[in-house]
Amino acid sequence: MKTVILEIRSPEESMANFVQSWKAGKPERVARIAFATPELLWQVLTTKRWELLKILCGAGPISIREAARRVGRDVKAVHSDITALLSAGILDRTESGGIIFPFEAVKVEFLLEAA
């Protein structure tokens, strides 16, 4: 199963993980997209965008108009949400101009610790 992990990790931690994987010569078995703070994660992963990910998961390439139809929302609003998800690296654009969620599962991972 191709999974993406959305996580909270500083840029330094992300780079250290990349270097460790590079030196080991073994790619990670899951994709990771890191956000510097929980606030940034929730700014990108809003409720409406989570709904989009749910309908895109396993759907293959579809148009923005079709995505809007499936979630019952305005095309312009969905376009804005998809642009944000594309910028975050969560979605990809196909050669034909459609969008695709290239994963079969999403895992959101973060730790809340006492200050």
PDB file of N, CA and C in Angstrom:
ATOM      1  N   MET A   1       0.848  -1.176   0.000  1.00  0.00           N
ATOM      2  CA  MET A   1       0.000   0.000   0.000  1.00  0.00           C
ATOM      3  C   MET A   1       0.890   1.235   0.000  1.00  0.00           C
ATOM      4  N   LYS A   2       0.643   2.131  -0.908  1.00  0.00           N
ATOM      5  CA  LYS A   2       1.417   3.374  -1.009  1.00  0.00           C
ATOM      6  C   LYS A   2       0.796   4.407  -0.076  1.00  0.00           C
ATOM      7  N   THR A   3       1.528   4.734   0.984  1.00  0.00           N
ATOM      8  CA  THR A   3       1.031   5.620   2.030  1.00  0.00           C
ATOM      9  C   THR A   3       1.841   6.901   2.070  1.00  0.00           C
ATOM     10  N   VAL A   4       1.174   8.003   2.385  1.00  0.00           N
ATOM     11  CA  VAL A   4       1.856   9.257   2.656  1.00  0.00           C
ATOM     12  C   VAL A   4       1.635   9.588   4.127  1.00  0.00           C
ATOM     13  N   ILE A   5       2.706  10.007   4.784  1.00  0.00           N
ATOM     14  CA  ILE A   5       2.616  10.431   6.180  1.00  0.00           C
ATOM     15  C   ILE A   5       2.755  11.942   6.213  1.00  0.00           C
ATOM     16  N   LEU A   6       1.748  12.606   6.741  1.00  0.00           N
ATOM     17  CA  LEU A   6       1.796  14.050   6.970  1.00  0.00           C
ATOM     18  C   LEU A   6       2.221  14.218   8.417  1.00  0.00           C
ATOM     19  N   GLU A   7       3.323  14.907   8.628  1.00  0.00           N
ATOM     20  CA  GLU A   7       3.874  14.966   9.973  1.00  0.00           C
ATOM     21  C   GLU A   7       4.377  16.358  10.325  1.00  0.00           C
ATOM     22  N   ILE A   8       4.607  16.551  11.622  1.00  0.00           N
ATOM     23  CA  ILE A   8       5.185  17.782  12.137  1.00  0.00           C
ATOM     24  C   ILE A   8       6.671  17.501  12.338  1.00  0.00           C
ATOM     25  N   ARG A   9       7.488  18.254  11.640  1.00  0.00           N
ATOM     26  CA  ARG A   9       8.925  18.032  11.738  1.00  0.00           C
ATOM     27  C   ARG A   9       9.633  19.298  11.294  1.00  0.00           C
ATOM     28  N   SER A  10      10.648  19.683  12.029  1.00  0.00           N
ATOM     29  CA  SER A  10      11.399  20.888  11.665  1.00  0.00           C
ATOM     30  C   SER A  10      12.177  20.630  10.377  1.00  0.00           C
ATOM     31  N   PRO A  11      12.531  21.696   9.654  1.00  0.00           N
ATOM     32  CA  PRO A  11      13.348  21.514   8.452  1.00  0.00           C
ATOM     33  C   PRO A  11      14.663  20.781   8.746  1.00  0.00           C
ATOM     34  N   GLU A  12      15.248  21.037   9.914  1.00  0.00           N
ATOM     35  CA  GLU A  12      16.495  20.370  10.284  1.00  0.00           C
ATOM     36  C   GLU A  12      16.282  18.866  10.453  1.00  0.00           C
ATOM     37  N   GLU A  13      15.179  18.486  11.105  1.00  0.00           N
ATOM     38  CA  GLU A  13      14.874  17.057  11.276  1.00  0.00           C
ATOM     39  C   GLU A  13      14.617  16.388   9.930  1.00  0.00           C
ATOM     40  N   SER A  14      13.907  17.082   9.052  1.00  0.00           N
ATOM     41  CA  SER A  14      13.631  16.536   7.724  1.00  0.00           C
ATOM     42  C   SER A  14      14.922  16.320   6.943  1.00  0.00           C
ATOM     43  N   MET A  15      15.822  17.284   7.005  1.00  0.00           N
ATOM     44  CA  MET A  15      17.088  17.156   6.291  1.00  0.00           C
ATOM     45  C   MET A  15      17.931  16.030   6.878  1.00  0.00           C
ATOM     46  N   ALA A  16      17.960  15.917   8.190  1.00  0.00           N
ATOM     47  CA  ALA A  16      18.723  14.843   8.829  1.00  0.00           C
ATOM     48  C   ALA A  16      18.187  13.474   8.415  1.00  0.00           C
ATOM     49  N   ASN A  17      16.861  13.343   8.328  1.00  0.00           N
ATOM     50  CA  ASN A  17      16.255  12.089   7.897  1.00  0.00           C
ATOM     51  C   ASN A  17      16.620  11.781   6.454  1.00  0.00           C
ATOM     52  N   PHE A  18      16.600  12.804   5.602  1.00  0.00           N
ATOM     53  CA  PHE A  18      16.969  12.631   4.199  1.00  0.00           C
ATOM     54  C   PHE A  18      18.420  12.156   4.088  1.00  0.00           C
ATOM     55  N   VAL A  19      19.325  12.796   4.821  1.00  0.00           N
ATOM     56  CA  VAL A  19      20.743  12.442   4.772  1.00  0.00           C
ATOM     57  C   VAL A  19      20.941  11.006   5.259  1.00  0.00           C
ATOM     58  N   GLN A  20      20.248  10.642   6.311  1.00  0.00           N
ATOM     59  CA  GLN A  20      20.357   9.282   6.851  1.00  0.00           C
ATOM     60  C   GLN A  20      19.905   8.251   5.809  1.00  0.00           C
ATOM     61  N   SER A  21      18.789   8.513   5.148  1.00  0.00           N
ATOM     62  CA  SER A  21      18.294   7.603   4.107  1.00  0.00           C
ATOM     63  C   SER A  21      19.269   7.544   2.937  1.00  0.00           C
ATOM     64  N   TRP A  22      19.815   8.691   2.580  1.00  0.00           N
ATOM     65  CA  TRP A  22      20.756   8.763   1.460  1.00  0.00           C
ATOM     66  C   TRP A  22      21.994   7.921   1.758  1.00  0.00           C
ATOM     67  N   LYS A  23      22.541   8.090   2.971  1.00  0.00           N
ATOM     68  CA  LYS A  23      23.750   7.352   3.352  1.00  0.00           C
ATOM     69  C   LYS A  23      23.477   5.850   3.441  1.00  0.00           C
ATOM     70  N   ALA A  24      22.299   5.487   3.901  1.00  0.00           N
ATOM     71  CA  ALA A  24      21.956   4.069   4.028  1.00  0.00           C
ATOM     72  C   ALA A  24      21.712   3.434   2.660  1.00  0.00           C
ATOM     73  N   GLY A  25      21.398   4.279   1.681  1.00  0.00           N
ATOM     74  CA  GLY A  25      21.129   3.762   0.344  1.00  0.00           C
ATOM     75  C   GLY A  25      19.812   3.028   0.225  1.00  0.00           C
ATOM     76  N   LYS A  26      18.965   3.228   1.210  1.00  0.00           N
ATOM     77  CA  LYS A  26      17.658   2.573   1.207  1.00  0.00           C
ATOM     78  C   LYS A  26      16.559   3.634   1.244  1.00  0.00           C
ATOM     79  N   PRO A  27      15.741   3.684   0.219  1.00  0.00           N
ATOM     80  CA  PRO A  27      14.650   4.661   0.249  1.00  0.00           C
ATOM     81  C   PRO A  27      13.596   4.261   1.290  1.00  0.00           C
ATOM     82  N   GLU A  28      12.925   5.251   1.817  1.00  0.00           N
ATOM     83  CA  GLU A  28      11.841   4.958   2.754  1.00  0.00           C
ATOM     84  C   GLU A  28      10.704   4.287   2.005  1.00  0.00           C
ATOM     85  N   ARG A  29       9.952   3.459   2.708  1.00  0.00           N
ATOM     86  CA  ARG A  29       8.854   2.739   2.072  1.00  0.00           C
ATOM     87  C   ARG A  29       7.574   3.560   2.027  1.00  0.00           C
ATOM     88  N   VAL A  30       7.572   4.689   2.693  1.00  0.00           N
ATOM     89  CA  VAL A  30       6.412   5.580   2.649  1.00  0.00           C
ATOM     90  C   VAL A  30       6.896   6.985   2.287  1.00  0.00           C
ATOM     91  N   ALA A  31       6.014   7.745   1.698  1.00  0.00           N
ATOM     92  CA  ALA A  31       6.316   9.150   1.412  1.00  0.00           C
ATOM     93  C   ALA A  31       6.026   9.968   2.661  1.00  0.00           C
ATOM     94  N   ARG A  32       6.772  11.002   2.853  1.00  0.00           N
ATOM     95  CA  ARG A  32       6.568  11.880   4.009  1.00  0.00           C
ATOM     96  C   ARG A  32       6.479  13.322   3.524  1.00  0.00           C
ATOM     97  N   ILE A  33       5.517  14.032   4.067  1.00  0.00           N
ATOM     98  CA  ILE A  33       5.393  15.470   3.827  1.00  0.00           C
ATOM     99  C   ILE A  33       5.385  16.115   5.202  1.00  0.00           C
ATOM    100  N   ALA A  34       6.373  16.948   5.445  1.00  0.00           N
ATOM    101  CA  ALA A  34       6.543  17.525   6.772  1.00  0.00           C
ATOM    102  C   ALA A  34       6.084  18.978   6.813  1.00  0.00           C
ATOM    103  N   PHE A  35       5.518  19.342   7.935  1.00  0.00           N
ATOM    104  CA  PHE A  35       5.106  20.705   8.230  1.00  0.00           C
ATOM    105  C   PHE A  35       5.869  21.146   9.468  1.00  0.00           C
ATOM    106  N   ALA A  36       6.325  22.379   9.488  1.00  0.00           N
ATOM    107  CA  ALA A  36       7.159  22.873  10.585  1.00  0.00           C
ATOM    108  C   ALA A  36       6.397  22.986  11.903  1.00  0.00           C
ATOM    109  N   THR A  37       5.095  23.257  11.835  1.00  0.00           N
ATOM    110  CA  THR A  37       4.295  23.407  13.053  1.00  0.00           C
ATOM    111  C   THR A  37       2.925  22.767  12.845  1.00  0.00           C
ATOM    112  N   PRO A  38       2.255  22.414  13.938  1.00  0.00           N
ATOM    113  CA  PRO A  38       0.884  21.892  13.807  1.00  0.00           C
ATOM    114  C   PRO A  38      -0.042  22.915  13.152  1.00  0.00           C
ATOM    115  N   GLU A  39       0.187  24.187  13.435  1.00  0.00           N
ATOM    116  CA  GLU A  39      -0.658  25.231  12.858  1.00  0.00           C
ATOM    117  C   GLU A  39      -0.563  25.238  11.328  1.00  0.00           C
ATOM    118  N   LEU A  40       0.629  25.039  10.800  1.00  0.00           N
ATOM    119  CA  LEU A  40       0.798  24.977   9.346  1.00  0.00           C
ATOM    120  C   LEU A  40       0.091  23.752   8.768  1.00  0.00           C
ATOM    121  N   LEU A  41       0.191  22.638   9.455  1.00  0.00           N
ATOM    122  CA  LEU A  41      -0.505  21.431   8.998  1.00  0.00           C
ATOM    123  C   LEU A  41      -2.002  21.684   8.906  1.00  0.00           C
ATOM    124  N   TRP A  42      -2.591  22.243   9.956  1.00  0.00           N
ATOM    125  CA  TRP A  42      -4.045  22.460   9.969  1.00  0.00           C
ATOM    126  C   TRP A  42      -4.448  23.599   9.035  1.00  0.00           C
ATOM    127  N   GLN A  43      -3.528  24.506   8.736  1.00  0.00           N
ATOM    128  CA  GLN A  43      -3.820  25.560   7.760  1.00  0.00           C
ATOM    129  C   GLN A  43      -3.963  24.947   6.362  1.00  0.00           C
ATOM    130  N   VAL A  44      -3.147  23.965   6.064  1.00  0.00           N
ATOM    131  CA  VAL A  44      -3.217  23.293   4.764  1.00  0.00           C
ATOM    132  C   VAL A  44      -4.308  22.238   4.745  1.00  0.00           C
ATOM    133  N   LEU A  45      -4.423  21.464   5.802  1.00  0.00           N
ATOM    134  CA  LEU A  45      -5.337  20.327   5.827  1.00  0.00           C
ATOM    135  C   LEU A  45      -6.644  20.708   6.529  1.00  0.00           C
ATOM    136  N   THR A  46      -7.409  21.580   5.891  1.00  0.00           N
ATOM    137  CA  THR A  46      -8.691  22.010   6.444  1.00  0.00           C
ATOM    138  C   THR A  46      -9.727  20.895   6.282  1.00  0.00           C
ATOM    139  N   THR A  47     -10.862  21.060   6.888  1.00  0.00           N
ATOM    140  CA  THR A  47     -11.940  20.073   6.785  1.00  0.00           C
ATOM    141  C   THR A  47     -12.364  19.859   5.340  1.00  0.00           C
ATOM    142  N   LYS A  48     -12.523  20.918   4.585  1.00  0.00           N
ATOM    143  CA  LYS A  48     -12.935  20.812   3.182  1.00  0.00           C
ATOM    144  C   LYS A  48     -11.875  20.105   2.343  1.00  0.00           C
ATOM    145  N   ARG A  49     -10.616  20.377   2.628  1.00  0.00           N
ATOM    146  CA  ARG A  49      -9.536  19.728   1.876  1.00  0.00           C
ATOM    147  C   ARG A  49      -9.416  18.258   2.243  1.00  0.00           C
ATOM    148  N   TRP A  50      -9.684  17.932   3.505  1.00  0.00           N
ATOM    149  CA  TRP A  50      -9.701  16.530   3.928  1.00  0.00           C
ATOM    150  C   TRP A  50     -10.808  15.781   3.177  1.00  0.00           C
ATOM    151  N   GLU A  51     -11.971  16.419   3.016  1.00  0.00           N
ATOM    152  CA  GLU A  51     -13.063  15.819   2.241  1.00  0.00           C
ATOM    153  C   GLU A  51     -12.609  15.540   0.812  1.00  0.00           C
ATOM    154  N   LEU A  52     -11.875  16.470   0.226  1.00  0.00           N
ATOM    155  CA  LEU A  52     -11.347  16.267  -1.123  1.00  0.00           C
ATOM    156  C   LEU A  52     -10.411  15.066  -1.163  1.00  0.00           C
ATOM    157  N   LEU A  53      -9.508  14.972  -0.191  1.00  0.00           N
ATOM    158  CA  LEU A  53      -8.583  13.842  -0.172  1.00  0.00           C
ATOM    159  C   LEU A  53      -9.333  12.517  -0.068  1.00  0.00           C
ATOM    160  N   LYS A  54     -10.386  12.499   0.710  1.00  0.00           N
ATOM    161  CA  LYS A  54     -11.163  11.259   0.855  1.00  0.00           C
ATOM    162  C   LYS A  54     -11.763  10.819  -0.470  1.00  0.00           C
ATOM    163  N   ILE A  55     -12.274  11.752  -1.263  1.00  0.00           N
ATOM    164  CA  ILE A  55     -12.879  11.347  -2.540  1.00  0.00           C
ATOM    165  C   ILE A  55     -11.819  11.083  -3.610  1.00  0.00           C
ATOM    166  N   LEU A  56     -10.638  11.668  -3.454  1.00  0.00           N
ATOM    167  CA  LEU A  56      -9.564  11.461  -4.425  1.00  0.00           C
ATOM    168  C   LEU A  56      -8.769  10.187  -4.153  1.00  0.00           C
ATOM    169  N   CYS A  57      -8.804   9.709  -2.929  1.00  0.00           N
ATOM    170  CA  CYS A  57      -8.048   8.517  -2.541  1.00  0.00           C
ATOM    171  C   CYS A  57      -8.543   7.315  -3.347  1.00  0.00           C
ATOM    172  N   GLY A  58      -7.689   6.792  -4.208  1.00  0.00           N
ATOM    173  CA  GLY A  58      -8.027   5.634  -5.026  1.00  0.00           C
ATOM    174  C   GLY A  58      -8.850   5.940  -6.260  1.00  0.00           C
ATOM    175  N   ALA A  59      -9.157   7.211  -6.511  1.00  0.00           N
ATOM    176  CA  ALA A  59     -10.034   7.577  -7.632  1.00  0.00           C
ATOM    177  C   ALA A  59      -9.294   7.648  -8.969  1.00  0.00           C
ATOM    178  N   GLY A  60      -7.973   7.724  -8.932  1.00  0.00           N
ATOM    179  CA  GLY A  60      -7.228   7.925 -10.176  1.00  0.00           C
ATOM    180  C   GLY A  60      -7.325   9.377 -10.607  1.00  0.00           C
ATOM    181  N   PRO A  61      -6.825   9.692 -11.793  1.00  0.00           N
ATOM    182  CA  PRO A  61      -6.856  11.082 -12.262  1.00  0.00           C
ATOM    183  C   PRO A  61      -8.279  11.552 -12.559  1.00  0.00           C
ATOM    184  N   ILE A  62      -8.613  12.732 -12.063  1.00  0.00           N
ATOM    185  CA  ILE A  62      -9.919  13.331 -12.366  1.00  0.00           C
ATOM    186  C   ILE A  62      -9.741  14.831 -12.564  1.00  0.00           C
ATOM    187  N   SER A  63     -10.743  15.455 -13.123  1.00  0.00           N
ATOM    188  CA  SER A  63     -10.699  16.905 -13.334  1.00  0.00           C
ATOM    189  C   SER A  63     -11.129  17.626 -12.055  1.00  0.00           C
ATOM    190  N   ILE A  64     -10.789  18.877 -11.981  1.00  0.00           N
ATOM    191  CA  ILE A  64     -11.211  19.688 -10.836  1.00  0.00           C
ATOM    192  C   ILE A  64     -12.732  19.789 -10.813  1.00  0.00           C
ATOM    193  N   ARG A  65     -13.324  19.924 -11.975  1.00  0.00           N
ATOM    194  CA  ARG A  65     -14.790  19.998 -12.069  1.00  0.00           C
ATOM    195  C   ARG A  65     -15.434  18.722 -11.512  1.00  0.00           C
ATOM    196  N   GLU A  66     -14.861  17.566 -11.836  1.00  0.00           N
ATOM    197  CA  GLU A  66     -15.390  16.295 -11.324  1.00  0.00           C
ATOM    198  C   GLU A  66     -15.191  16.187  -9.816  1.00  0.00           C
ATOM    199  N   ALA A  67     -14.052  16.649  -9.333  1.00  0.00           N
ATOM    200  CA  ALA A  67     -13.815  16.649  -7.887  1.00  0.00           C
ATOM    201  C   ALA A  67     -14.857  17.515  -7.178  1.00  0.00           C
ATOM    202  N   ALA A  68     -15.138  18.693  -7.748  1.00  0.00           N
ATOM    203  CA  ALA A  68     -16.151  19.590  -7.175  1.00  0.00           C
ATOM    204  C   ALA A  68     -17.528  18.923  -7.178  1.00  0.00           C
ATOM    205  N   ARG A  69     -17.859  18.238  -8.250  1.00  0.00           N
ATOM    206  CA  ARG A  69     -19.146  17.546  -8.331  1.00  0.00           C
ATOM    207  C   ARG A  69     -19.251  16.466  -7.251  1.00  0.00           C
ATOM    208  N   ARG A  70     -18.171  15.731  -7.048  1.00  0.00           N
ATOM    209  CA  ARG A  70     -18.185  14.627  -6.071  1.00  0.00           C
ATOM    210  C   ARG A  70     -18.324  15.100  -4.632  1.00  0.00           C
ATOM    211  N   VAL A  71     -17.802  16.280  -4.329  1.00  0.00           N
ATOM    212  CA  VAL A  71     -17.947  16.800  -2.962  1.00  0.00           C
ATOM    213  C   VAL A  71     -19.116  17.768  -2.832  1.00  0.00           C
ATOM    214  N   GLY A  72     -19.786  18.065  -3.959  1.00  0.00           N
ATOM    215  CA  GLY A  72     -20.953  18.948  -3.923  1.00  0.00           C
ATOM    216  C   GLY A  72     -20.610  20.384  -3.593  1.00  0.00           C
ATOM    217  N   ARG A  73     -19.505  20.868  -4.152  1.00  0.00           N
ATOM    218  CA  ARG A  73     -19.057  22.234  -3.872  1.00  0.00           C
ATOM    219  C   ARG A  73     -18.824  22.995  -5.164  1.00  0.00           C
ATOM    220  N   ASP A  74     -18.691  24.297  -5.028  1.00  0.00           N
ATOM    221  CA  ASP A  74     -18.417  25.207  -6.134  1.00  0.00           C
ATOM    222  C   ASP A  74     -17.031  24.918  -6.726  1.00  0.00           C
ATOM    223  N   VAL A  75     -16.932  24.938  -8.052  1.00  0.00           N
ATOM    224  CA  VAL A  75     -15.682  24.632  -8.745  1.00  0.00           C
ATOM    225  C   VAL A  75     -14.577  25.613  -8.341  1.00  0.00           C
ATOM    226  N   LYS A  76     -14.910  26.882  -8.219  1.00  0.00           N
ATOM    227  CA  LYS A  76     -13.899  27.887  -7.870  1.00  0.00           C
ATOM    228  C   LYS A  76     -13.309  27.613  -6.481  1.00  0.00           C
ATOM    229  N   ALA A  77     -14.144  27.278  -5.519  1.00  0.00           N
ATOM    230  CA  ALA A  77     -13.668  26.987  -4.163  1.00  0.00           C
ATOM    231  C   ALA A  77     -12.813  25.720  -4.149  1.00  0.00           C
ATOM    232  N   VAL A  78     -13.242  24.698  -4.881  1.00  0.00           N
ATOM    233  CA  VAL A  78     -12.478  23.453  -4.960  1.00  0.00           C
ATOM    234  C   VAL A  78     -11.136  23.705  -5.653  1.00  0.00           C
ATOM    235  N   HIS A  79     -11.145  24.538  -6.690  1.00  0.00           N
ATOM    236  CA  HIS A  79      -9.902  24.882  -7.387  1.00  0.00           C
ATOM    237  C   HIS A  79      -8.910  25.505  -6.408  1.00  0.00           C
ATOM    238  N   SER A  80      -9.377  26.400  -5.553  1.00  0.00           N
ATOM    239  CA  SER A  80      -8.520  27.041  -4.560  1.00  0.00           C
ATOM    240  C   SER A  80      -7.940  26.010  -3.589  1.00  0.00           C
ATOM    241  N   ASP A  81      -8.768  25.081  -3.133  1.00  0.00           N
ATOM    242  CA  ASP A  81      -8.300  24.038  -2.216  1.00  0.00           C
ATOM    243  C   ASP A  81      -7.308  23.107  -2.899  1.00  0.00           C
ATOM    244  N   ILE A  82      -7.565  22.762  -4.131  1.00  0.00           N
ATOM    245  CA  ILE A  82      -6.661  21.875  -4.865  1.00  0.00           C
ATOM    246  C   ILE A  82      -5.321  22.563  -5.114  1.00  0.00           C
ATOM    247  N   THR A  83      -5.350  23.852  -5.388  1.00  0.00           N
ATOM    248  CA  THR A  83      -4.106  24.606  -5.566  1.00  0.00           C
ATOM    249  C   THR A  83      -3.263  24.541  -4.290  1.00  0.00           C
ATOM    250  N   ALA A  84      -3.892  24.679  -3.141  1.00  0.00           N
ATOM    251  CA  ALA A  84      -3.170  24.600  -1.863  1.00  0.00           C
ATOM    252  C   ALA A  84      -2.591  23.200  -1.648  1.00  0.00           C
ATOM    253  N   LEU A  85      -3.349  22.170  -1.981  1.00  0.00           N
ATOM    254  CA  LEU A  85      -2.871  20.788  -1.819  1.00  0.00           C
ATOM    255  C   LEU A  85      -1.760  20.464  -2.814  1.00  0.00           C
ATOM    256  N   LEU A  86      -1.829  21.023  -4.019  1.00  0.00           N
ATOM    257  CA  LEU A  86      -0.749  20.860  -4.987  1.00  0.00           C
ATOM    258  C   LEU A  86       0.523  21.539  -4.489  1.00  0.00           C
ATOM    259  N   SER A  87       0.392  22.742  -3.947  1.00  0.00           N
ATOM    260  CA  SER A  87       1.546  23.483  -3.430  1.00  0.00           C
ATOM    261  C   SER A  87       2.217  22.758  -2.272  1.00  0.00           C
ATOM    262  N   ALA A  88       1.418  22.064  -1.464  1.00  0.00           N
ATOM    263  CA  ALA A  88       1.960  21.326  -0.323  1.00  0.00           C
ATOM    264  C   ALA A  88       2.569  19.987  -0.739  1.00  0.00           C
ATOM    265  N   GLY A  89       2.375  19.595  -1.996  1.00  0.00           N
ATOM    266  CA  GLY A  89       2.925  18.334  -2.470  1.00  0.00           C
ATOM    267  C   GLY A  89       2.051  17.128  -2.189  1.00  0.00           C
ATOM    268  N   ILE A  90       0.825  17.376  -1.752  1.00  0.00           N
ATOM    269  CA  ILE A  90      -0.085  16.280  -1.411  1.00  0.00           C
ATOM    270  C   ILE A  90      -0.767  15.732  -2.663  1.00  0.00           C
ATOM    271  N   LEU A  91      -1.064  16.599  -3.612  1.00  0.00           N
ATOM    272  CA  LEU A  91      -1.660  16.188  -4.885  1.00  0.00           C
ATOM    273  C   LEU A  91      -0.658  16.396  -6.005  1.00  0.00           C
ATOM    274  N   ASP A  92      -0.885  15.696  -7.117  1.00  0.00           N
ATOM    275  CA  ASP A  92      -0.081  15.892  -8.330  1.00  0.00           C
ATOM    276  C   ASP A  92      -1.010  16.268  -9.468  1.00  0.00           C
ATOM    277  N   ARG A  93      -0.442  16.932 -10.464  1.00  0.00           N
ATOM    278  CA  ARG A  93      -1.180  17.263 -11.678  1.00  0.00           C
ATOM    279  C   ARG A  93      -0.757  16.270 -12.761  1.00  0.00           C
ATOM    280  N   THR A  94      -1.737  15.795 -13.528  1.00  0.00           N
ATOM    281  CA  THR A  94      -1.444  14.869 -14.616  1.00  0.00           C
ATOM    282  C   THR A  94      -1.038  15.650 -15.856  1.00  0.00           C
ATOM    283  N   GLU A  95      -0.484  14.939 -16.849  1.00  0.00           N
ATOM    284  CA  GLU A  95      -0.081  15.591 -18.098  1.00  0.00           C
ATOM    285  C   GLU A  95      -1.281  16.197 -18.824  1.00  0.00           C
ATOM    286  N   SER A  96      -2.455  15.606 -18.628  1.00  0.00           N
ATOM    287  CA  SER A  96      -3.653  16.109 -19.305  1.00  0.00           C
ATOM    288  C   SER A  96      -4.314  17.262 -18.546  1.00  0.00           C
ATOM    289  N   GLY A  97      -3.732  17.667 -17.403  1.00  0.00           N
ATOM    290  CA  GLY A  97      -4.266  18.793 -16.653  1.00  0.00           C
ATOM    291  C   GLY A  97      -5.172  18.406 -15.506  1.00  0.00           C
ATOM    292  N   GLY A  98      -5.432  17.122 -15.346  1.00  0.00           N
ATOM    293  CA  GLY A  98      -6.247  16.657 -14.221  1.00  0.00           C
ATOM    294  C   GLY A  98      -5.427  16.639 -12.949  1.00  0.00           C
ATOM    295  N   ILE A  99      -6.038  16.133 -11.909  1.00  0.00           N
ATOM    296  CA  ILE A  99      -5.350  16.009 -10.628  1.00  0.00           C
ATOM    297  C   ILE A  99      -5.411  14.562 -10.184  1.00  0.00           C
ATOM    298  N   ILE A 100      -4.432  14.201  -9.363  1.00  0.00           N
ATOM    299  CA  ILE A 100      -4.409  12.843  -8.832  1.00  0.00           C
ATOM    300  C   ILE A 100      -3.812  12.863  -7.438  1.00  0.00           C
ATOM    301  N   PHE A 101      -4.396  12.054  -6.581  1.00  0.00           N
ATOM    302  CA  PHE A 101      -3.837  11.801  -5.259  1.00  0.00           C
ATOM    303  C   PHE A 101      -3.071  10.498  -5.410  1.00  0.00           C
ATOM    304  N   PRO A 102      -1.725  10.569  -5.462  1.00  0.00           N
ATOM    305  CA  PRO A 102      -0.939   9.392  -5.847  1.00  0.00           C
ATOM    306  C   PRO A 102      -0.706   8.370  -4.735  1.00  0.00           C
ATOM    307  N   PHE A 103      -1.547   8.387  -3.726  1.00  0.00           N
ATOM    308  CA  PHE A 103      -1.382   7.480  -2.599  1.00  0.00           C
ATOM    309  C   PHE A 103      -2.678   6.711  -2.357  1.00  0.00           C
ATOM    310  N   GLU A 104      -2.557   5.589  -1.661  1.00  0.00           N
ATOM    311  CA  GLU A 104      -3.721   4.789  -1.317  1.00  0.00           C
ATOM    312  C   GLU A 104      -4.170   5.028   0.124  1.00  0.00           C
ATOM    313  N   ALA A 105      -3.308   5.683   0.897  1.00  0.00           N
ATOM    314  CA  ALA A 105      -3.629   5.931   2.301  1.00  0.00           C
ATOM    315  C   ALA A 105      -2.895   7.175   2.786  1.00  0.00           C
ATOM    316  N   VAL A 106      -3.484   7.813   3.787  1.00  0.00           N
ATOM    317  CA  VAL A 106      -2.893   8.994   4.422  1.00  0.00           C
ATOM    318  C   VAL A 106      -2.799   8.716   5.910  1.00  0.00           C
ATOM    319  N   LYS A 107      -1.665   9.060   6.470  1.00  0.00           N
ATOM    320  CA  LYS A 107      -1.490   8.958   7.922  1.00  0.00           C
ATOM    321  C   LYS A 107      -1.035  10.322   8.409  1.00  0.00           C
ATOM    322  N   VAL A 108      -1.744  10.885   9.374  1.00  0.00           N
ATOM    323  CA  VAL A 108      -1.359  12.169   9.955  1.00  0.00           C
ATOM    324  C   VAL A 108      -0.714  11.841  11.301  1.00  0.00           C
ATOM    325  N   GLU A 109       0.509  12.310  11.476  1.00  0.00           N
ATOM    326  CA  GLU A 109       1.290  11.910  12.651  1.00  0.00           C
ATOM    327  C   GLU A 109       1.883  13.140  13.320  1.00  0.00           C
ATOM    328  N   PHE A 110       1.543  13.336  14.587  1.00  0.00           N
ATOM    329  CA  PHE A 110       2.179  14.395  15.352  1.00  0.00           C
ATOM    330  C   PHE A 110       2.042  14.079  16.825  1.00  0.00           C
ATOM    331  N   LEU A 111       2.873  14.701  17.626  1.00  0.00           N
ATOM    332  CA  LEU A 111       2.906  14.460  19.050  1.00  0.00           C
ATOM    333  C   LEU A 111       2.665  15.770  19.775  1.00  0.00           C
ATOM    334  N   LEU A 112       1.734  15.773  20.691  1.00  0.00           N
ATOM    335  CA  LEU A 112       1.475  16.936  21.522  1.00  0.00           C
ATOM    336  C   LEU A 112       2.119  16.681  22.870  1.00  0.00           C
ATOM    337  N   GLU A 113       3.049  17.533  23.247  1.00  0.00           N
ATOM    338  CA  GLU A 113       3.775  17.365  24.511  1.00  0.00           C
ATOM    339  C   GLU A 113       3.504  18.540  25.442  1.00  0.00           C
ATOM    340  N   ALA A 114       3.654  18.281  26.720  1.00  0.00           N
ATOM    341  CA  ALA A 114       3.522  19.350  27.701  1.00  0.00           C
ATOM    342  C   ALA A 114       4.622  20.364  27.486  1.00  0.00           C
ATOM    343  N   ALA A 115       4.296  21.633  27.670  1.00  0.00           N
ATOM    344  CA  ALA A 115       5.278  22.710  27.426  1.00  0.00           C
ATOM    345  C   ALA A 115       6.363  22.737  28.477  1.00  0.00           C
TER     346      ALA A 115
END
